Amino acid sequence: MAKVCDICGKGPVFGHNVSHANNKTRKVWYPNLHKVKTFKDGRTIRMKVCARCLRSGSVTKAA
């Protein structure tokens, strides 16, 4: 399952956890995705949409 927003394409970001002793371990930040029923091309489909796209009104939610 791809952890990518179907609207804006936002996906995981990679980096490091850095301790006080400057030890570095791999870290992944995932986007805040929600499965939402939406209208697209006159029919209802289920999409994975990030919170920012939902909040900005980029998605028309199905009733």
PDB file of N, CA and C in Angstrom:
ATOM      1  N   MET A   1       0.849  -1.184   0.000  1.00  0.00           N
ATOM      2  CA  MET A   1       0.000   0.000   0.000  1.00  0.00           C
ATOM      3  C   MET A   1       0.890   1.240   0.000  1.00  0.00           C
ATOM      4  N   ALA A   2       0.775   2.053  -1.037  1.00  0.00           N
ATOM      5  CA  ALA A   2       1.568   3.271  -1.125  1.00  0.00           C
ATOM      6  C   ALA A   2       0.994   4.313  -0.172  1.00  0.00           C
ATOM      7  N   LYS A   3       1.860   4.920   0.622  1.00  0.00           N
ATOM      8  CA  LYS A   3       1.433   5.948   1.573  1.00  0.00           C
ATOM      9  C   LYS A   3       1.597   7.313   0.917  1.00  0.00           C
ATOM     10  N   VAL A   4       0.787   7.534  -0.139  1.00  0.00           N
ATOM     11  CA  VAL A   4       0.875   8.748  -0.934  1.00  0.00           C
ATOM     12  C   VAL A   4      -0.525   9.315  -1.113  1.00  0.00           C
ATOM     13  N   CYS A   5      -0.650  10.648  -1.009  1.00  0.00           N
ATOM     14  CA  CYS A   5      -1.925  11.326  -1.222  1.00  0.00           C
ATOM     15  C   CYS A   5      -2.299  11.246  -2.695  1.00  0.00           C
ATOM     16  N   ASP A   6      -3.559  10.869  -2.992  1.00  0.00           N
ATOM     17  CA  ASP A   6      -4.012  10.748  -4.374  1.00  0.00           C
ATOM     18  C   ASP A   6      -4.241  12.106  -5.033  1.00  0.00           C
ATOM     19  N   ILE A   7      -4.327  13.184  -4.251  1.00  0.00           N
ATOM     20  CA  ILE A   7      -4.573  14.516  -4.801  1.00  0.00           C
ATOM     21  C   ILE A   7      -3.258  15.245  -5.070  1.00  0.00           C
ATOM     22  N   CYS A   8      -2.445  15.449  -4.039  1.00  0.00           N
ATOM     23  CA  CYS A   8      -1.242  16.281  -4.180  1.00  0.00           C
ATOM     24  C   CYS A   8       0.037  15.477  -4.349  1.00  0.00           C
ATOM     25  N   GLY A   9       0.002  14.172  -4.087  1.00  0.00           N
ATOM     26  CA  GLY A   9       1.191  13.352  -4.261  1.00  0.00           C
ATOM     27  C   GLY A   9       2.153  13.373  -3.089  1.00  0.00           C
ATOM     28  N   LYS A  10       1.712  13.955  -1.963  1.00  0.00           N
ATOM     29  CA  LYS A  10       2.577  13.994  -0.778  1.00  0.00           C
ATOM     30  C   LYS A  10       2.843  12.576  -0.290  1.00  0.00           C
ATOM     31  N   GLY A  11       4.105  12.276   0.010  1.00  0.00           N
ATOM     32  CA  GLY A  11       4.488  10.937   0.433  1.00  0.00           C
ATOM     33  C   GLY A  11       5.420  10.961   1.623  1.00  0.00           C
ATOM     34  N   PRO A  12       6.034   9.834   1.955  1.00  0.00           N
ATOM     35  CA  PRO A  12       6.935   9.755   3.099  1.00  0.00           C
ATOM     36  C   PRO A  12       8.178  10.623   2.909  1.00  0.00           C
ATOM     37  N   VAL A  13       8.685  11.137   4.040  1.00  0.00           N
ATOM     38  CA  VAL A  13       9.917  11.921   4.057  1.00  0.00           C
ATOM     39  C   VAL A  13      10.910  11.174   4.930  1.00  0.00           C
ATOM     40  N   PHE A  14      12.166  11.078   4.488  1.00  0.00           N
ATOM     41  CA  PHE A  14      13.171  10.307   5.194  1.00  0.00           C
ATOM     42  C   PHE A  14      14.193  11.233   5.834  1.00  0.00           C
ATOM     43  N   GLY A  15      14.724  10.800   6.976  1.00  0.00           N
ATOM     44  CA  GLY A  15      15.747  11.566   7.664  1.00  0.00           C
ATOM     45  C   GLY A  15      16.367  10.728   8.763  1.00  0.00           C
ATOM     46  N   HIS A  16      16.864  11.386   9.803  1.00  0.00           N
ATOM     47  CA  HIS A  16      17.522  10.705  10.913  1.00  0.00           C
ATOM     48  C   HIS A  16      16.970  11.173  12.250  1.00  0.00           C
ATOM     49  N   ASN A  17      16.881  10.231  13.204  1.00  0.00           N
ATOM     50  CA  ASN A  17      16.774  10.607  14.606  1.00  0.00           C
ATOM     51  C   ASN A  17      18.192  10.883  15.072  1.00  0.00           C
ATOM     52  N   VAL A  18      18.403  12.005  15.721  1.00  0.00           N
ATOM     53  CA  VAL A  18      19.740  12.344  16.189  1.00  0.00           C
ATOM     54  C   VAL A  18      19.693  12.457  17.705  1.00  0.00           C
ATOM     55  N   SER A  19      20.468  11.605  18.390  1.00  0.00           N
ATOM     56  CA  SER A  19      20.480  11.605  19.853  1.00  0.00           C
ATOM     57  C   SER A  19      21.407  12.699  20.379  1.00  0.00           C
ATOM     58  N   HIS A  20      21.388  12.884  21.672  1.00  0.00           N
ATOM     59  CA  HIS A  20      22.265  13.860  22.317  1.00  0.00           C
ATOM     60  C   HIS A  20      23.733  13.498  22.086  1.00  0.00           C
ATOM     61  N   ALA A  21      24.012  12.199  21.957  1.00  0.00           N
ATOM     62  CA  ALA A  21      25.377  11.729  21.675  1.00  0.00           C
ATOM     63  C   ALA A  21      25.696  11.741  20.174  1.00  0.00           C
ATOM     64  N   ASN A  22      24.794  12.347  19.388  1.00  0.00           N
ATOM     65  CA  ASN A  22      24.947  12.489  17.939  1.00  0.00           C
ATOM     66  C   ASN A  22      24.918  11.144  17.215  1.00  0.00           C
ATOM     67  N   ASN A  23      24.251  10.121  17.801  1.00  0.00           N
ATOM     68  CA  ASN A  23      24.013   8.861  17.101  1.00  0.00           C
ATOM     69  C   ASN A  23      22.843   9.077  16.139  1.00  0.00           C
ATOM     70  N   LYS A  24      22.967   8.553  14.930  1.00  0.00           N
ATOM     71  CA  LYS A  24      21.934   8.757  13.920  1.00  0.00           C
ATOM     72  C   LYS A  24      21.298   7.421  13.539  1.00  0.00           C
ATOM     73  N   THR A  25      19.980   7.354  13.627  1.00  0.00           N
ATOM     74  CA  THR A  25      19.225   6.186  13.178  1.00  0.00           C
ATOM     75  C   THR A  25      18.184   6.658  12.177  1.00  0.00           C
ATOM     76  N   ARG A  26      17.796   5.756  11.266  1.00  0.00           N
ATOM     77  CA  ARG A  26      16.861   6.120  10.205  1.00  0.00           C
ATOM     78  C   ARG A  26      15.488   6.433  10.776  1.00  0.00           C
ATOM     79  N   LYS A  27      14.810   7.412  10.165  1.00  0.00           N
ATOM     80  CA  LYS A  27      13.500   7.853  10.613  1.00  0.00           C
ATOM     81  C   LYS A  27      12.654   8.144   9.387  1.00  0.00           C
ATOM     82  N   VAL A  28      11.360   7.820   9.444  1.00  0.00           N
ATOM     83  CA  VAL A  28      10.437   8.095   8.344  1.00  0.00           C
ATOM     84  C   VAL A  28       9.241   8.858   8.896  1.00  0.00           C
ATOM     85  N   TRP A  29       8.867   9.949   8.234  1.00  0.00           N
ATOM     86  CA  TRP A  29       7.657  10.688   8.582  1.00  0.00           C
ATOM     87  C   TRP A  29       6.631  10.429   7.488  1.00  0.00           C
ATOM     88  N   TYR A  30       5.447   9.949   7.881  1.00  0.00           N
ATOM     89  CA  TYR A  30       4.388   9.638   6.928  1.00  0.00           C
ATOM     90  C   TYR A  30       3.348  10.752   6.921  1.00  0.00           C
ATOM     91  N   PRO A  31       2.720  10.998   5.773  1.00  0.00           N
ATOM     92  CA  PRO A  31       1.666  12.010   5.724  1.00  0.00           C
ATOM     93  C   PRO A  31       0.415  11.523   6.453  1.00  0.00           C
ATOM     94  N   ASN A  32      -0.402  12.472   6.888  1.00  0.00           N
ATOM     95  CA  ASN A  32      -1.635  12.183   7.618  1.00  0.00           C
ATOM     96  C   ASN A  32      -2.733  11.857   6.611  1.00  0.00           C
ATOM     97  N   LEU A  33      -2.819  10.568   6.207  1.00  0.00           N
ATOM     98  CA  LEU A  33      -3.755  10.139   5.165  1.00  0.00           C
ATOM     99  C   LEU A  33      -5.055   9.615   5.761  1.00  0.00           C
ATOM    100  N   HIS A  34      -6.149   9.855   5.024  1.00  0.00           N
ATOM    101  CA  HIS A  34      -7.463   9.348   5.387  1.00  0.00           C
ATOM    102  C   HIS A  34      -8.087   8.710   4.161  1.00  0.00           C
ATOM    103  N   LYS A  35      -8.776   7.589   4.355  1.00  0.00           N
ATOM    104  CA  LYS A  35      -9.535   6.976   3.271  1.00  0.00           C
ATOM    105  C   LYS A  35     -10.897   7.650   3.223  1.00  0.00           C
ATOM    106  N   VAL A  36     -11.224   8.263   2.086  1.00  0.00           N
ATOM    107  CA  VAL A  36     -12.425   9.079   1.965  1.00  0.00           C
ATOM    108  C   VAL A  36     -13.168   8.682   0.700  1.00  0.00           C
ATOM    109  N   LYS A  37     -14.493   8.602   0.787  1.00  0.00           N
ATOM    110  CA  LYS A  37     -15.312   8.399  -0.410  1.00  0.00           C
ATOM    111  C   LYS A  37     -15.520   9.755  -1.063  1.00  0.00           C
ATOM    112  N   THR A  38     -15.179   9.853  -2.357  1.00  0.00           N
ATOM    113  CA  THR A  38     -15.257  11.122  -3.066  1.00  0.00           C
ATOM    114  C   THR A  38     -15.993  10.954  -4.384  1.00  0.00           C
ATOM    115  N   PHE A  39     -16.460  12.084  -4.925  1.00  0.00           N
ATOM    116  CA  PHE A  39     -17.038  12.113  -6.260  1.00  0.00           C
ATOM    117  C   PHE A  39     -15.943  12.441  -7.256  1.00  0.00           C
ATOM    118  N   LYS A  40     -15.816  11.604  -8.290  1.00  0.00           N
ATOM    119  CA  LYS A  40     -14.862  11.891  -9.355  1.00  0.00           C
ATOM    120  C   LYS A  40     -15.445  11.359 -10.658  1.00  0.00           C
ATOM    121  N   ASP A  41     -15.554  12.214 -11.636  1.00  0.00           N
ATOM    122  CA  ASP A  41     -16.113  11.873 -12.952  1.00  0.00           C
ATOM    123  C   ASP A  41     -17.521  11.302 -12.836  1.00  0.00           C
ATOM    124  N   GLY A  42     -18.330  11.849 -11.914  1.00  0.00           N
ATOM    125  CA  GLY A  42     -19.726  11.443 -11.778  1.00  0.00           C
ATOM    126  C   GLY A  42     -19.958  10.150 -11.044  1.00  0.00           C
ATOM    127  N   ARG A  43     -18.936   9.575 -10.433  1.00  0.00           N
ATOM    128  CA  ARG A  43     -19.139   8.345  -9.659  1.00  0.00           C
ATOM    129  C   ARG A  43     -18.390   8.437  -8.343  1.00  0.00           C
ATOM    130  N   THR A  44     -18.739   7.566  -7.412  1.00  0.00           N
ATOM    131  CA  THR A  44     -18.147   7.573  -6.081  1.00  0.00           C
ATOM    132  C   THR A  44     -16.990   6.590  -6.031  1.00  0.00           C
ATOM    133  N   ILE A  45     -15.821   7.068  -5.612  1.00  0.00           N
ATOM    134  CA  ILE A  45     -14.657   6.201  -5.457  1.00  0.00           C
ATOM    135  C   ILE A  45     -14.016   6.479  -4.106  1.00  0.00           C
ATOM    136  N   ARG A  46     -13.202   5.543  -3.643  1.00  0.00           N
ATOM    137  CA  ARG A  46     -12.485   5.690  -2.381  1.00  0.00           C
ATOM    138  C   ARG A  46     -11.053   6.126  -2.689  1.00  0.00           C
ATOM    139  N   MET A  47     -10.619   7.193  -2.013  1.00  0.00           N
ATOM    140  CA  MET A  47      -9.284   7.734  -2.243  1.00  0.00           C
ATOM    141  C   MET A  47      -8.550   7.886  -0.921  1.00  0.00           C
ATOM    142  N   LYS A  48      -7.207   7.880  -1.007  1.00  0.00           N
ATOM    143  CA  LYS A  48      -6.385   8.213   0.155  1.00  0.00           C
ATOM    144  C   LYS A  48      -5.983   9.671   0.011  1.00  0.00           C
ATOM    145  N   VAL A  49      -6.429  10.508   0.954  1.00  0.00           N
ATOM    146  CA  VAL A  49      -6.253  11.948   0.848  1.00  0.00           C
ATOM    147  C   VAL A  49      -5.608  12.460   2.121  1.00  0.00           C
ATOM    148  N   CYS A  50      -4.623  13.370   1.992  1.00  0.00           N
ATOM    149  CA  CYS A  50      -3.971  13.929   3.174  1.00  0.00           C
ATOM    150  C   CYS A  50      -4.889  14.966   3.832  1.00  0.00           C
ATOM    151  N   ALA A  51      -4.596  15.282   5.087  1.00  0.00           N
ATOM    152  CA  ALA A  51      -5.424  16.189   5.871  1.00  0.00           C
ATOM    153  C   ALA A  51      -5.450  17.583   5.261  1.00  0.00           C
ATOM    154  N   ARG A  52      -4.350  18.023   4.679  1.00  0.00           N
ATOM    155  CA  ARG A  52      -4.309  19.362   4.092  1.00  0.00           C
ATOM    156  C   ARG A  52      -5.245  19.474   2.896  1.00  0.00           C
ATOM    157  N   CYS A  53      -5.304  18.440   2.051  1.00  0.00           N
ATOM    158  CA  CYS A  53      -6.213  18.467   0.895  1.00  0.00           C
ATOM    159  C   CYS A  53      -7.671  18.432   1.345  1.00  0.00           C
ATOM    160  N   LEU A  54      -7.965  17.676   2.397  1.00  0.00           N
ATOM    161  CA  LEU A  54      -9.311  17.646   2.937  1.00  0.00           C
ATOM    162  C   LEU A  54      -9.704  19.017   3.481  1.00  0.00           C
ATOM    163  N   ARG A  55      -8.795  19.630   4.232  1.00  0.00           N
ATOM    164  CA  ARG A  55      -9.087  20.903   4.887  1.00  0.00           C
ATOM    165  C   ARG A  55      -9.214  22.041   3.891  1.00  0.00           C
ATOM    166  N   SER A  56      -8.437  21.996   2.811  1.00  0.00           N
ATOM    167  CA  SER A  56      -8.446  23.083   1.832  1.00  0.00           C
ATOM    168  C   SER A  56      -9.612  22.999   0.861  1.00  0.00           C
ATOM    169  N   GLY A  57     -10.349  21.895   0.875  1.00  0.00           N
ATOM    170  CA  GLY A  57     -11.492  21.758  -0.020  1.00  0.00           C
ATOM    171  C   GLY A  57     -11.121  21.240  -1.399  1.00  0.00           C
ATOM    172  N   SER A  58      -9.981  20.594  -1.539  1.00  0.00           N
ATOM    173  CA  SER A  58      -9.570  20.045  -2.831  1.00  0.00           C
ATOM    174  C   SER A  58     -10.374  18.801  -3.196  1.00  0.00           C
ATOM    175  N   VAL A  59     -11.147  18.284  -2.234  1.00  0.00           N
ATOM    176  CA  VAL A  59     -11.883  17.025  -2.408  1.00  0.00           C
ATOM    177  C   VAL A  59     -13.364  17.278  -2.166  1.00  0.00           C
ATOM    178  N   THR A  60     -14.220  16.703  -3.023  1.00  0.00           N
ATOM    179  CA  THR A  60     -15.658  16.745  -2.815  1.00  0.00           C
ATOM    180  C   THR A  60     -16.073  15.417  -2.198  1.00  0.00           C
ATOM    181  N   LYS A  61     -16.390  15.431  -0.897  1.00  0.00           N
ATOM    182  CA  LYS A  61     -16.745  14.191  -0.206  1.00  0.00           C
ATOM    183  C   LYS A  61     -18.131  13.716  -0.621  1.00  0.00           C
ATOM    184  N   ALA A  62     -18.300  12.399  -0.730  1.00  0.00           N
ATOM    185  CA  ALA A  62     -19.591  11.798  -1.045  1.00  0.00           C
ATOM    186  C   ALA A  62     -20.433  11.709   0.214  1.00  0.00           C
ATOM    187  N   ALA A  63     -21.721  11.803   0.070  1.00  0.00           N
ATOM    188  CA  ALA A  63     -22.624  11.774   1.232  1.00  0.00           C
ATOM    189  C   ALA A  63     -22.878  10.386   1.737  1.00  0.00           C
TER     190      ALA A  63
END
